[in-house]
Protein backbone atom coordinates (compact mmCIF):
# COMPACT_ATOMS: atom_id res chain seq x y z
CA MET A 1 62.45 122.70 85.14
CA THR A 2 64.20 121.22 82.24
CA THR A 3 67.93 120.50 81.83
CA LEU A 4 67.85 123.61 79.70
CA THR A 5 67.06 125.86 82.61
CA PRO A 6 70.77 125.33 84.61
CA PHE A 7 72.38 125.30 81.41
CA ALA A 8 71.21 128.86 80.10
CA PRO A 9 74.23 130.73 81.13
CA LEU A 10 76.62 128.03 79.13
CA LEU A 11 74.66 128.48 76.17
CA SER A 12 74.51 131.94 76.41
CA ARG A 13 78.19 132.26 76.58
CA LEU A 14 78.79 129.76 74.03
CA LEU A 15 76.06 131.31 71.49
CA THR A 16 77.54 134.74 72.02
CA GLU A 17 81.16 133.49 71.42
CA ALA A 18 79.76 131.83 68.17
CA ASP A 19 78.16 135.19 66.95
CA ALA A 20 81.84 136.79 67.53
CA ALA A 21 83.85 134.22 65.68
CA THR A 22 85.39 135.08 62.45
CA SER A 23 87.88 133.29 60.01
CA PRO A 24 90.47 135.64 58.25
CA ALA A 25 90.56 132.68 55.63
CA ILE A 26 87.03 133.19 54.50
CA ALA A 27 88.06 136.50 52.60
CA GLN A 28 90.00 134.29 50.13
CA TYR A 29 86.66 132.94 48.68
CA SER A 30 84.23 134.83 46.32
CA SER A 31 80.39 134.30 46.87
CA GLU A 32 80.52 132.40 43.91
CA GLU A 33 83.27 130.19 44.96
CA ARG A 34 81.97 129.51 48.38
CA ALA A 35 78.57 128.62 46.98
CA ARG A 36 80.28 126.16 44.52
CA LEU A 37 82.40 124.62 47.69
CA VAL A 38 79.28 124.30 49.87
CA ASN A 39 78.13 122.12 47.13
CA SER A 40 81.08 120.16 46.29
CA LYS A 41 81.30 116.46 47.23
CA THR A 42 85.13 116.36 47.04
CA GLU A 43 86.32 119.70 48.38
CA TYR A 44 84.24 120.16 51.51
CA ARG A 45 87.59 119.13 53.82
CA GLU A 46 89.74 121.69 52.74
CA PHE A 47 87.10 124.47 52.55
CA TYR A 48 85.62 123.65 56.47
CA GLY A 49 89.23 123.17 57.45
CA ASN A 50 90.27 126.38 56.33
CA LEU A 51 87.24 128.05 58.15
CA LYS A 52 87.72 125.72 61.65
CA GLU A 53 87.39 128.90 63.39
CA LEU A 54 84.01 129.47 62.44
CA TRP A 55 81.55 127.97 65.07
CA LEU A 56 78.56 127.25 62.41
CA ALA A 57 76.33 126.85 65.43
CA VAL A 58 72.46 126.44 65.32
CA SER A 59 70.57 129.24 66.23
CA PRO A 60 69.06 129.43 69.62
CA GLU A 61 65.81 129.07 68.06
CA THR A 62 66.98 125.81 66.16
CA GLY A 63 68.70 124.70 69.35
CA THR A 64 65.40 124.87 71.17
CA LEU A 65 63.35 123.04 68.46
CA LEU A 66 65.77 119.97 68.96
CA TYR A 67 65.48 119.96 72.30
CA MET A 68 61.53 120.05 71.93
CA LEU A 69 61.47 117.57 69.26
CA ALA A 70 63.78 114.94 71.19
CA ARG A 71 61.80 115.31 74.37
CA SER A 72 58.54 114.99 72.77
CA THR A 73 59.19 112.05 70.52
CA GLY A 74 61.30 110.06 73.77
CA ALA A 75 64.24 110.04 71.70
CA ARG A 76 66.81 107.58 73.17
CA ILE A 77 69.10 107.17 70.48
CA ILE A 78 70.39 110.21 68.55
CA VAL A 79 72.78 110.61 65.42
CA GLU A 80 74.41 113.99 64.54
CA PHE A 81 76.30 114.98 61.68
CA GLY A 82 78.66 117.72 62.29
CA THR A 83 79.49 118.34 66.02
CA SER A 84 81.36 121.77 65.17
CA PHE A 85 81.71 123.00 68.88
CA GLY A 86 79.02 121.18 70.27
CA ILE A 87 76.12 123.76 70.62
CA SER A 88 73.53 121.60 68.78
CA THR A 89 75.08 118.49 71.05
CA LEU A 90 74.40 120.00 73.96
CA TYR A 91 70.76 120.66 73.14
CA LEU A 92 70.23 117.07 72.16
CA ALA A 93 71.89 115.52 75.17
CA ALA A 94 70.25 117.77 77.31
CA ALA A 95 66.86 115.94 75.70
CA LEU A 96 68.42 112.67 76.28
CA ARG A 97 69.07 113.26 80.12
CA ASP A 98 65.36 114.85 80.38
CA ASN A 99 64.24 111.73 78.61
CA GLY A 100 65.68 109.50 81.20
CA GLY A 101 69.21 108.71 79.36
CA GLY A 102 70.29 107.48 76.01
CA ARG A 103 72.94 107.67 73.70
CA LEU A 104 74.12 110.26 71.15
CA ILE A 105 76.44 109.71 68.55
CA THR A 106 78.07 112.57 66.99
CA THR A 107 80.92 113.18 64.28
CA GLU A 108 83.50 115.89 63.40
CA PHE A 109 86.36 115.87 61.50
CA GLU A 110 88.34 119.01 62.51
CA PRO A 111 90.39 117.91 65.61
CA SER A 112 90.35 121.32 67.22
CA LYS A 113 86.63 121.30 67.16
CA VAL A 114 86.40 117.67 68.89
CA THR A 115 88.63 118.97 71.52
CA ARG A 116 86.23 121.97 72.30
CA ALA A 117 83.22 120.11 71.97
CA LYS A 118 84.20 117.35 74.46
CA ALA A 119 85.22 120.21 76.78
CA ASN A 120 81.93 122.09 76.58
CA LEU A 121 79.90 118.73 76.95
CA THR A 122 81.91 117.89 79.92
CA GLU A 123 81.48 121.39 81.36
CA GLY A 124 78.07 120.86 80.80
CA GLY A 125 77.67 117.51 82.70
CA LEU A 126 76.64 115.46 79.67
CA ILE A 127 79.68 114.00 78.15
CA ASP A 128 78.48 110.61 79.49
CA LEU A 129 75.57 110.47 77.00
CA VAL A 130 77.46 111.30 74.14
CA GLU A 131 80.22 109.71 71.84
CA VAL A 132 82.30 111.92 69.65
CA ARG A 133 83.49 110.22 66.51
CA GLU A 134 86.58 112.02 65.11
CA GLY A 135 86.91 111.93 61.34
CA ASP A 136 85.01 111.99 58.04
CA ALA A 137 81.59 111.03 58.57
CA LEU A 138 81.32 109.17 55.59
CA GLU A 139 83.70 106.79 57.30
CA THR A 140 82.75 107.37 61.01
CA LEU A 141 78.87 106.55 60.43
CA ALA A 142 79.53 104.01 58.01
CA ALA A 143 79.62 101.32 60.90
CA ASP A 144 78.80 100.46 64.42
CA LEU A 145 75.53 102.62 64.33
CA PRO A 146 72.84 101.63 66.76
CA GLU A 147 70.17 99.13 65.55
CA THR A 148 67.45 101.68 65.72
CA ILE A 149 67.64 105.66 65.45
CA ASP A 150 65.18 107.73 66.88
CA LEU A 151 66.36 111.14 65.46
CA LEU A 152 69.16 112.17 63.00
CA LEU A 153 70.48 115.55 62.87
CA LEU A 154 72.04 116.75 59.51
CA ASP A 155 74.29 119.55 60.08
CA GLY A 156 77.78 119.29 58.57
CA ALA A 157 78.76 119.51 55.01
CA LYS A 158 75.59 120.34 53.33
CA ALA A 159 76.90 118.33 49.90
CA LEU A 160 76.73 115.08 51.95
CA TYR A 161 73.29 115.29 53.19
CA PRO A 162 72.12 112.43 51.00
CA GLU A 163 74.86 110.03 51.58
CA ILE A 164 74.44 110.82 55.43
CA LEU A 165 71.07 110.33 55.37
CA GLU A 166 71.61 106.79 53.10
CA LEU A 167 74.37 105.69 55.62
CA GLY A 168 71.63 105.52 58.57
CA GLU A 169 68.36 105.39 56.81
CA SER A 170 67.64 101.60 57.24
CA ARG A 171 68.12 102.23 61.21
CA LEU A 172 65.63 105.06 61.49
CA ARG A 173 62.42 103.48 63.02
CA PRO A 174 58.94 104.50 61.72
CA GLY A 175 58.18 107.86 63.20
CA ALA A 176 62.02 108.88 63.53
CA LEU A 177 62.77 112.54 62.69
CA VAL A 178 65.19 113.70 60.43
CA ILE A 179 66.28 117.57 61.06
CA ALA A 180 68.33 119.14 58.18
CA ASP A 181 69.78 122.60 59.23
CA ASN A 182 70.65 124.79 56.27
CA ALA A 183 68.85 122.21 54.12
CA ASP A 184 68.39 124.70 51.08
CA PHE A 185 71.95 124.26 50.34
CA SER A 186 71.43 120.70 49.65
CA PRO A 187 68.87 120.47 46.72
CA GLY A 188 69.61 116.74 46.19
CA TYR A 189 68.62 116.09 49.87
CA LEU A 190 65.35 118.11 49.31
CA GLN A 191 64.34 116.12 46.19
CA ARG A 192 65.05 112.55 48.40
CA VAL A 193 62.90 113.38 51.19
CA ARG A 194 60.34 115.39 49.45
CA ALA A 195 59.52 112.70 46.72
CA PRO A 196 56.22 111.36 46.88
CA THR A 197 57.46 107.60 47.18
CA GLY A 198 60.95 108.78 49.14
CA GLY A 199 59.50 107.26 52.27
CA TYR A 200 59.14 110.60 54.22
CA THR A 201 56.63 113.16 55.11
CA SER A 202 58.75 116.43 54.81
CA THR A 203 58.36 120.03 55.37
CA PRO A 204 60.19 123.31 55.70
CA PHE A 205 60.20 124.28 59.30
CA GLY A 206 61.09 128.20 59.59
CA VAL A 207 63.67 129.68 57.32
CA ASP A 208 66.38 127.29 57.17
CA VAL A 209 65.29 123.88 58.72
CA GLU A 210 63.82 120.92 56.89
CA LEU A 211 61.76 118.43 58.99
CA SER A 212 61.13 114.75 58.03
CA MET A 213 59.52 112.14 59.43
CA ARG A 214 60.22 108.37 58.40
CA LEU A 215 57.35 106.43 57.57
CA GLY A 216 56.56 102.87 58.41
């Protein structure tokens, strides 16, 4: 039995709530405007702040993949960009528990989401493994990172994926995994990790995940 087994009811409830969440503010954006804002490096705070009711959660399949990757690599130090309500954080922290412990640093700029994520992690009995940093990840992940990172999850503002990767790149150990959800919305990031001389082996996984491994 894994830690995910007793968490199944909690995860099921949270995923159902995530699927049902709506945001009245989304109607103010045309599809073209949403596409522009997703790729904006200057307007992401306002855009995602207006949509704070949306959970923007990983799928159950992606969550299980995160758990499996963290478990199979024996990850002890994980950094996550984009906590939201903490569903992906739960999957990763469960892997740390089953790996014998560790530390997960996650960051979220929306205060209401930070509060709910901490509550979900507390309910799941995993809060002791997680440090939630409130604020813009360009600031919260710019200092006080562990010397070595085993796994990096990118699941925040898509336009910032290259910048967040750069903040943690020097600390990624050889063989460390970088998982980018909805990476198709960040073409600059894909170009970076797929470049022959970029220092990664990278491949799309499923319909919306880019899985990259840091080379030695």
